[in-house]
């Protein structure tokens, strides 16, 4: 089992930074912003409470599970209770708990390609076989592709909307088709909703909001890491049918015992804050437009405007061809060495000829990164990036 290739890029950037280089990282799958003051203060108060100094329940804090259930019920338009929720060490752990509850040796899980490598990694870690499913020209899953890849060993499909790295949001008709396909083929849906707050098309819908009759065969995964800038706090969850929650609870009890109570209290404070995700989405929408415009102004790069998420996912195959590079990895390595700018090559996502560029950074960082790109790669536009940013505000 190999490590996540995104971590390898981050490690190289850190090594250069340790040598004194001024490295800008647009490779991370996390917001650059700090967690809110309310989150930090809740954690401090929790740490001072002697009740948090002792073991908690394996399934998670009752108040947090209740709030998560209420939030998911609102998204999915289906009933959920705290007993349907398991708290996990981040969304990745929640995905693992869901997968390991659903599969046996040799069973298969369908994952989108291009797609986040963590989806395949949790399937492998749970003893299953991840099967890449090629997405369409808008980076969305289709029933035709699922039909080509599904086998009698297929147990579930992981659906992420908005997706990583593509930002693709699946519209209601497509979600309905996928839901019907899952029902016909007796396949579960694992809905990775970690980017749910960052939809710039106003078309995001939970798959269960479209197909509520699939409530008994759907797992909903989420967490506070992206929309509340809490990646390091490691608090996520899954909401699922009773047999999957029972399996997940038993696994947590036998391994990590429970998610740290202080962190759960911090997550509870985060979910009580509806302002931070809205403000982050507003800022990301603006920075998305700035970055995509800049990328499309460079010869050899074609960058669609992502529907959601935190990343631009440009096609750089023309640039690779013109410069004599063989892969997105060559370009990413060159940008890191030459411009001290870290991006993730598309090979990490089953997408040679692409790179992933994060725009969940502050304005100054993004402006400087764009200016570095224009300096080393050239640009059809010469206006300072700051002018575009100010105009977009």
Protein backbone atom coordinates (compact mmCIF):
# COMPACT_ATOMS: atom_id res chain seq x y z
CA UNK A 1 0.00 0.00 0.00
CA UNK A 2 1.47 3.35 -1.03
CA UNK A 3 1.10 6.66 0.79
CA UNK A 4 -1.12 9.42 -0.51
CA UNK A 5 0.88 11.14 -3.32
CA UNK A 6 -0.41 14.54 -2.18
CA UNK A 7 1.56 14.09 1.03
CA UNK A 8 4.72 13.51 -1.02
CA UNK A 9 4.32 16.91 -2.68
CA UNK A 10 3.79 18.55 0.71
CA UNK A 11 6.89 16.85 2.09
CA UNK A 12 9.05 18.12 -0.79
CA UNK A 13 7.71 21.63 -0.29
CA UNK A 14 8.50 21.47 3.42
CA UNK A 15 12.03 20.24 2.68
CA UNK A 16 12.63 23.24 0.42
CA UNK A 17 11.14 25.59 3.00
CA UNK A 18 13.47 24.15 5.64
CA UNK A 19 16.37 25.10 3.37
CA UNK A 20 15.19 28.71 3.39
CA UNK A 21 13.16 28.79 0.17
CA UNK A 22 10.02 30.95 0.03
CA UNK A 23 7.63 28.19 -1.03
CA UNK A 24 3.95 28.82 -1.76
CA UNK A 25 1.83 25.72 -1.35
CA UNK A 26 -1.26 25.41 -3.51
CA UNK A 27 -1.09 21.64 -3.13
CA UNK A 28 -2.77 21.15 0.22
CA UNK A 29 -6.29 19.81 0.43
CA UNK A 30 -7.15 22.15 3.25
CA UNK A 31 -8.06 25.78 3.90
CA UNK A 32 -5.12 28.01 4.72
CA UNK A 33 -7.24 29.85 7.30
CA UNK A 34 -7.05 29.13 11.02
CA UNK A 35 -9.95 27.58 12.90
CA UNK A 36 -12.35 30.16 14.30
CA UNK A 37 -11.91 31.76 17.71
CA UNK A 38 -15.15 30.12 18.86
CA UNK A 39 -13.76 26.68 18.04
CA UNK A 40 -10.51 27.34 19.89
CA UNK A 41 -12.29 28.77 22.92
CA UNK A 42 -14.63 25.78 23.05
CA UNK A 43 -11.62 23.46 23.03
CA UNK A 44 -9.91 25.41 25.80
CA UNK A 45 -13.06 25.31 27.94
CA UNK A 46 -13.39 21.58 27.26
CA UNK A 47 -9.79 20.94 28.25
CA UNK A 48 -10.49 22.66 31.58
CA UNK A 49 -13.53 20.46 32.21
CA UNK A 50 -12.50 17.36 34.21
CA UNK A 51 -15.21 15.37 32.43
CA UNK A 52 -13.14 15.42 29.24
CA UNK A 53 -10.13 13.92 31.04
CA UNK A 54 -11.72 10.47 31.08
CA UNK A 55 -12.98 7.92 28.59
CA UNK A 56 -15.97 8.82 26.45
CA UNK A 57 -18.38 6.64 24.51
CA UNK A 58 -17.17 4.82 21.40
CA UNK A 59 -20.01 6.12 19.25
CA UNK A 60 -19.27 9.74 20.13
CA UNK A 61 -20.60 12.66 22.13
CA UNK A 62 -24.40 12.63 22.34
CA UNK A 63 -24.81 16.35 21.66
CA UNK A 64 -22.51 16.24 18.65
CA UNK A 65 -24.24 13.20 17.18
CA UNK A 66 -27.62 14.86 17.68
CA UNK A 67 -26.51 18.00 15.87
CA UNK A 68 -24.94 16.01 13.03
CA UNK A 69 -28.17 14.00 12.63
CA UNK A 70 -30.20 17.20 12.47
CA UNK A 71 -27.87 18.69 9.84
CA UNK A 72 -27.94 15.56 7.67
CA UNK A 73 -31.72 15.32 7.96
CA UNK A 74 -31.92 18.86 6.62
CA UNK A 75 -29.60 18.07 3.70
CA UNK A 76 -31.17 14.74 2.77
CA UNK A 77 -34.82 15.41 3.62
CA UNK A 78 -34.85 12.02 5.36
CA UNK A 79 -35.09 11.29 9.10
CA UNK A 80 -31.88 10.65 11.06
CA UNK A 81 -31.32 10.34 14.79
CA UNK A 82 -28.20 10.43 16.93
CA UNK A 83 -28.27 6.62 17.01
CA UNK A 84 -27.67 6.66 13.25
CA UNK A 85 -24.39 8.62 13.62
CA UNK A 86 -20.85 7.45 14.44
CA UNK A 87 -18.16 10.04 15.21
CA UNK A 88 -14.81 9.28 13.57
CA UNK A 89 -11.25 10.62 13.39
CA UNK A 90 -12.00 12.75 10.35
CA UNK A 91 -13.91 11.95 7.17
CA UNK A 92 -11.19 9.61 5.92
CA UNK A 93 -11.60 7.43 9.01
CA UNK A 94 -15.37 7.58 8.55
CA UNK A 95 -14.97 6.35 4.98
CA UNK A 96 -12.79 3.48 6.18
CA UNK A 97 -15.34 2.49 8.82
CA UNK A 98 -18.09 2.48 6.22
CA UNK A 99 -16.11 0.46 3.69
CA UNK A 100 -14.86 -2.14 6.17
CA UNK A 101 -18.46 -2.67 7.34
CA UNK A 102 -19.62 -3.35 3.78
CA UNK A 103 -16.97 -5.59 2.24
CA UNK A 104 -15.19 -8.90 2.58
CA UNK A 105 -11.99 -10.09 0.97
CA UNK A 106 -12.07 -9.58 -2.80
CA UNK A 107 -15.10 -7.31 -2.78
CA UNK A 108 -15.00 -4.19 -4.93
CA UNK A 109 -15.86 -0.54 -4.42
CA UNK A 110 -16.30 1.80 -7.40
CA UNK A 111 -14.43 5.12 -7.20
CA UNK A 112 -14.41 8.07 -9.60
CA UNK A 113 -11.44 8.70 -11.89
CA UNK A 114 -10.29 11.44 -11.79
CA UNK A 115 -10.88 11.31 -8.07
CA UNK A 116 -9.32 11.79 -4.67
CA UNK A 117 -6.76 9.02 -4.04
CA UNK A 118 -7.99 8.65 -0.46
CA UNK A 119 -11.13 6.92 -1.72
CA UNK A 120 -9.12 4.11 -3.26
CA UNK A 121 -6.75 4.03 -0.29
CA UNK A 122 -9.46 3.38 2.30
CA UNK A 123 -10.84 0.54 0.18
CA UNK A 124 -7.40 -1.06 -0.01
CA UNK A 125 -6.84 -0.51 3.72
CA UNK A 126 -10.13 -2.28 4.45
CA UNK A 127 -9.08 -5.30 2.36
CA UNK A 128 -11.14 -4.53 -0.71
CA UNK A 129 -10.41 -3.71 -4.33
CA UNK A 130 -10.98 -0.16 -5.58
CA UNK A 131 -12.22 -0.03 -9.17
CA UNK A 132 -11.67 3.30 -11.00
CA UNK A 133 -14.67 4.50 -13.00
CA UNK A 134 -13.92 7.01 -15.75
CA UNK A 135 -16.02 10.15 -15.44
CA UNK A 136 -17.54 12.08 -18.33
CA UNK A 137 -16.31 15.33 -19.87
CA UNK A 138 -17.75 17.27 -16.88
CA UNK A 139 -15.99 14.89 -14.45
CA UNK A 140 -19.28 13.30 -13.37
CA UNK A 141 -20.11 9.63 -12.89
CA UNK A 142 -22.55 8.13 -15.38
CA UNK A 143 -24.68 5.02 -15.37
CA UNK A 144 -22.98 3.84 -18.56
CA UNK A 145 -19.56 3.96 -16.90
CA UNK A 146 -20.87 2.28 -13.76
CA UNK A 147 -22.34 -0.49 -15.90
CA UNK A 148 -18.97 -1.06 -17.58
CA UNK A 149 -17.14 -1.33 -14.25
CA UNK A 150 -19.67 -3.05 -12.01
CA UNK A 151 -19.33 -6.78 -11.36
CA UNK A 152 -21.04 -9.30 -9.06
CA UNK A 153 -18.34 -8.37 -6.51
CA UNK A 154 -19.32 -4.68 -6.47
CA UNK A 155 -20.60 -3.70 -3.03
CA UNK A 156 -20.72 0.11 -3.19
CA UNK A 157 -19.93 3.23 -5.17
CA UNK A 158 -18.32 6.26 -3.52
CA UNK A 159 -20.04 9.42 -4.72
CA UNK A 160 -18.43 12.78 -3.99
CA UNK A 161 -20.26 15.94 -5.01
CA UNK A 162 -18.67 18.47 -5.13
CA UNK A 163 -15.70 16.34 -6.00
CA UNK A 164 -11.98 16.50 -5.38
CA UNK A 165 -9.95 17.39 -7.46
CA UNK A 166 -12.46 18.36 -10.15
CA UNK A 167 -15.07 20.32 -8.18
CA UNK A 168 -17.79 18.54 -10.17
CA UNK A 169 -21.32 18.80 -8.78
CA UNK A 170 -23.73 16.08 -9.91
CA UNK A 171 -27.10 17.58 -10.94
CA UNK A 172 -30.37 16.09 -9.75
CA UNK A 173 -31.11 14.06 -12.92
CA UNK A 174 -27.67 12.42 -12.77
CA UNK A 175 -28.03 11.67 -9.06
CA UNK A 176 -31.39 10.07 -9.73
CA UNK A 177 -29.87 7.89 -12.45
CA UNK A 178 -27.03 6.80 -10.15
CA UNK A 179 -29.50 6.04 -7.36
CA UNK A 180 -31.65 3.95 -9.69
CA UNK A 181 -28.57 2.09 -10.90
CA UNK A 182 -27.51 1.32 -7.32
CA UNK A 183 -30.96 0.00 -6.48
CA UNK A 184 -31.16 -2.19 -9.59
CA UNK A 185 -27.74 -3.68 -8.91
CA UNK A 186 -28.07 -4.06 -5.12
CA UNK A 187 -25.15 -1.68 -4.57
CA UNK A 188 -24.72 0.68 -1.62
CA UNK A 189 -23.92 4.38 -2.03
CA UNK A 190 -21.28 6.03 0.15
CA UNK A 191 -21.89 9.76 -0.20
CA UNK A 192 -18.76 11.77 0.64
CA UNK A 193 -20.21 15.19 1.44
CA UNK A 194 -17.06 16.85 2.81
CA UNK A 195 -17.24 19.73 0.27
CA UNK A 196 -21.01 20.26 0.56
CA UNK A 197 -20.61 23.89 1.70
CA UNK A 198 -18.62 24.88 -1.40
CA UNK A 199 -21.09 24.72 -4.28
CA UNK A 200 -20.84 27.74 -6.61
CA UNK A 201 -23.63 26.66 -8.96
CA UNK A 202 -26.44 26.53 -6.39
CA UNK A 203 -27.30 23.07 -7.73
CA UNK A 204 -25.85 20.86 -4.98
CA UNK A 205 -28.25 18.25 -3.67
CA UNK A 206 -27.63 15.26 -1.45
CA UNK A 207 -28.30 12.01 -3.26
CA UNK A 208 -30.88 11.17 -0.58
CA UNK A 209 -32.72 14.42 -1.18
CA UNK A 210 -33.22 13.17 -4.73
CA UNK A 211 -33.77 9.49 -3.88
CA UNK A 212 -35.02 9.26 -0.26
CA UNK A 213 -36.10 5.66 -0.78
CA UNK A 214 -32.41 4.69 -0.73
CA UNK A 215 -32.09 5.72 2.93
CA UNK A 216 -31.51 2.10 4.00
CA UNK A 217 -28.67 1.52 1.52
CA UNK A 218 -26.83 4.85 1.79
CA UNK A 219 -23.95 6.00 4.01
CA UNK A 220 -23.40 9.76 4.43
CA UNK A 221 -19.88 10.87 5.33
CA UNK A 222 -18.92 14.34 6.50
CA UNK A 223 -16.78 16.35 8.86
CA UNK A 224 -15.70 19.80 9.99
CA UNK A 225 -12.30 19.81 8.30
CA UNK A 226 -13.02 21.80 5.13
CA UNK A 227 -15.94 24.13 5.82
CA UNK A 228 -14.69 25.05 9.30
CA UNK A 229 -10.92 24.97 8.59
CA UNK A 230 -10.37 22.18 11.10
CA UNK A 231 -8.32 19.58 9.24
CA UNK A 232 -5.96 19.09 12.17
CA UNK A 233 -8.74 18.49 14.69
CA UNK A 234 -9.69 15.17 13.06
CA UNK A 235 -13.44 15.06 13.63
CA UNK A 236 -15.70 13.47 11.05
CA UNK A 237 -18.73 11.20 11.02
CA UNK A 238 -20.80 8.70 9.13
CA UNK A 239 -24.57 8.38 9.20
CA UNK A 240 -25.73 4.96 8.13
CA UNK A 241 -28.14 2.05 8.62
CA UNK A 242 -27.97 0.33 12.04
CA UNK A 243 -25.81 -2.63 10.98
CA UNK A 244 -23.11 -0.32 9.59
CA UNK A 245 -23.15 1.91 12.68
CA UNK A 246 -22.86 -1.19 14.89
CA UNK A 247 -19.82 -2.36 12.93
CA UNK A 248 -18.23 1.09 13.03
CA UNK A 249 -18.84 1.50 16.75
CA UNK A 250 -17.27 -1.90 17.47
CA UNK A 251 -14.23 -1.08 15.33
CA UNK A 252 -13.73 2.26 17.12
CA UNK A 253 -14.14 0.62 20.51
CA UNK A 254 -11.53 -2.01 19.70
CA UNK A 255 -9.00 0.38 18.17
CA UNK A 256 -8.99 4.08 19.07
CA UNK A 257 -11.57 3.77 21.93
CA UNK A 258 -13.18 7.09 20.95
CA UNK A 259 -12.43 10.39 19.26
CA UNK A 260 -10.86 12.79 21.82
CA UNK A 261 -13.63 14.53 23.73
CA UNK A 262 -11.97 17.95 23.56
CA UNK A 263 -11.95 17.74 19.77
CA UNK A 264 -15.60 16.73 19.71
CA UNK A 265 -16.51 19.75 21.84
CA UNK A 266 -14.65 21.95 19.36
CA UNK A 267 -16.59 20.35 16.49
CA UNK A 268 -19.84 20.96 18.33
CA UNK A 269 -18.98 24.66 18.51
CA UNK A 270 -18.13 24.66 14.80
CA UNK A 271 -21.48 23.18 13.80
CA UNK A 272 -23.20 25.90 15.77
CA UNK A 273 -21.50 28.46 13.52
CA UNK A 274 -23.29 28.93 10.20
CA UNK A 275 -21.37 32.08 9.28
CA UNK A 276 -17.86 30.71 8.74
CA UNK A 277 -18.77 28.27 5.91
CA UNK A 278 -20.82 30.93 4.11
CA UNK A 279 -18.00 33.47 4.29
CA UNK A 280 -15.45 30.89 3.17
CA UNK A 281 -17.61 29.91 0.18
CA UNK A 282 -17.99 33.57 -0.78
CA UNK A 283 -14.22 34.12 -0.69
CA UNK A 284 -13.45 30.87 -2.51
CA UNK A 285 -15.91 31.71 -5.28
CA UNK A 286 -14.05 34.98 -5.90
CA UNK A 287 -10.60 33.38 -5.74
CA UNK A 288 -11.74 30.55 -8.01
CA UNK A 289 -12.63 33.08 -10.72
CA UNK A 290 -9.30 34.86 -10.36
CA UNK A 291 -7.23 31.69 -10.54
CA UNK A 292 -9.13 30.16 -13.46
CA UNK A 293 -8.84 33.38 -15.47
CA UNK A 294 -5.10 33.49 -14.84
CA UNK A 295 -4.60 29.85 -15.79
CA UNK A 296 -6.56 30.25 -19.01
CA UNK A 297 -4.34 33.20 -19.87
CA UNK A 298 -1.30 30.91 -20.13
CA UNK A 299 -0.66 29.28 -23.50
CA UNK A 300 -1.15 25.52 -23.39
CA UNK A 301 -3.45 25.52 -20.35
CA UNK A 302 -7.21 25.00 -20.47
CA UNK A 303 -9.01 25.31 -17.16
CA UNK A 304 -12.76 24.81 -16.74
CA UNK A 305 -14.50 26.75 -14.00
CA UNK A 306 -15.09 24.19 -11.22
CA UNK A 307 -18.64 23.80 -9.95
CA UNK A 308 -17.52 23.62 -6.33
CA UNK A 309 -14.80 22.57 -3.93
CA UNK A 310 -11.45 24.26 -3.33
CA UNK A 311 -9.46 23.38 -6.44
CA UNK A 312 -8.89 24.31 -10.05
CA UNK A 313 -8.07 21.28 -12.21
CA UNK A 314 -6.56 22.58 -15.44
CA UNK A 315 -5.66 20.49 -18.48
CA UNK A 316 -1.98 21.25 -19.06
CA UNK A 317 -1.38 18.73 -21.84
CA UNK A 318 -0.80 21.51 -24.38
CA UNK A 319 1.80 23.09 -22.15
CA UNK A 320 3.50 19.73 -21.58
CA UNK A 321 3.66 19.13 -25.31
CA UNK A 322 5.01 22.60 -26.06
CA UNK A 323 7.67 22.43 -23.34
CA UNK A 324 8.72 18.84 -23.98
CA UNK A 325 7.56 17.49 -20.61
CA UNK A 326 6.18 13.99 -20.34
CA UNK A 327 3.69 14.37 -17.51
CA UNK A 328 1.97 16.62 -15.02
CA UNK A 329 4.51 15.32 -12.51
CA UNK A 330 7.30 16.86 -14.62
CA UNK A 331 5.52 20.22 -14.61
CA UNK A 332 4.80 20.07 -10.87
CA UNK A 333 8.43 19.25 -10.09
CA UNK A 334 9.63 22.08 -12.34
CA UNK A 335 7.26 24.61 -10.75
CA UNK A 336 8.45 23.62 -7.29
CA UNK A 337 12.12 23.89 -8.23
CA UNK A 338 11.87 26.98 -10.44
CA UNK A 339 9.04 29.05 -8.96
CA UNK A 340 8.92 27.53 -5.48
CA UNK A 341 5.25 26.86 -6.13
CA UNK A 342 3.73 23.55 -5.03
CA UNK A 343 0.84 21.99 -6.97
CA UNK A 344 -0.28 18.37 -7.27
CA UNK A 345 0.26 16.46 -10.53
CA UNK A 346 -2.80 14.91 -12.11
CA UNK A 347 -1.26 11.45 -11.94
CA UNK A 348 -2.25 11.43 -8.26
CA UNK A 349 -5.90 11.49 -9.37
CA UNK A 350 -5.78 9.15 -12.40
CA UNK A 351 -5.57 12.22 -14.64
CA UNK A 352 -2.27 12.55 -16.51
CA UNK A 353 -2.01 15.88 -18.26
CA UNK A 354 -3.63 17.79 -15.41
CA UNK A 355 -2.55 19.51 -12.22
CA UNK A 356 -4.56 20.38 -9.12
CA UNK A 357 -4.26 23.93 -7.76
CA UNK A 358 -5.87 24.92 -4.46
CA UNK A 359 -7.50 28.34 -4.18
CA UNK A 360 -8.45 28.02 -0.47
CA UNK A 361 -5.68 30.47 0.45
CA UNK A 362 -5.65 34.16 1.34
CA UNK A 363 -5.71 36.87 -1.30
CA UNK A 364 -2.05 37.85 -1.01
CA UNK A 365 -0.87 34.24 -1.29
CA UNK A 366 -3.00 33.63 -4.38
CA UNK A 367 -1.89 36.87 -6.05
CA UNK A 368 1.77 36.04 -5.47
CA UNK A 369 1.28 32.50 -6.75
CA UNK A 370 -0.40 33.77 -9.93
CA UNK A 371 2.38 36.27 -10.53
CA UNK A 372 4.95 33.49 -10.18
CA UNK A 373 3.04 31.35 -12.68
CA UNK A 374 2.90 34.22 -15.16
CA UNK A 375 6.61 34.93 -14.69
CA UNK A 376 7.81 31.38 -15.34
CA UNK A 377 5.17 30.25 -17.85
CA UNK A 378 4.19 33.48 -19.60
CA UNK A 379 0.72 34.95 -19.93
CA UNK A 380 -1.48 36.39 -22.62
CA UNK A 381 -2.58 38.98 -20.07
CA UNK A 382 -0.24 41.45 -18.44
CA UNK A 383 -2.56 43.17 -15.96
CA UNK A 384 -1.49 42.78 -12.33
CA UNK A 385 -3.52 40.08 -10.61
CA UNK A 386 -4.39 42.44 -7.79
CA UNK A 387 -6.50 44.54 -10.19
CA UNK A 388 -8.64 41.53 -11.05
CA UNK A 389 -9.00 40.61 -7.39
CA UNK A 390 -10.10 44.08 -6.35
CA UNK A 391 -12.62 44.18 -9.19
CA UNK A 392 -14.08 40.85 -8.10
CA UNK A 393 -14.60 41.91 -4.49
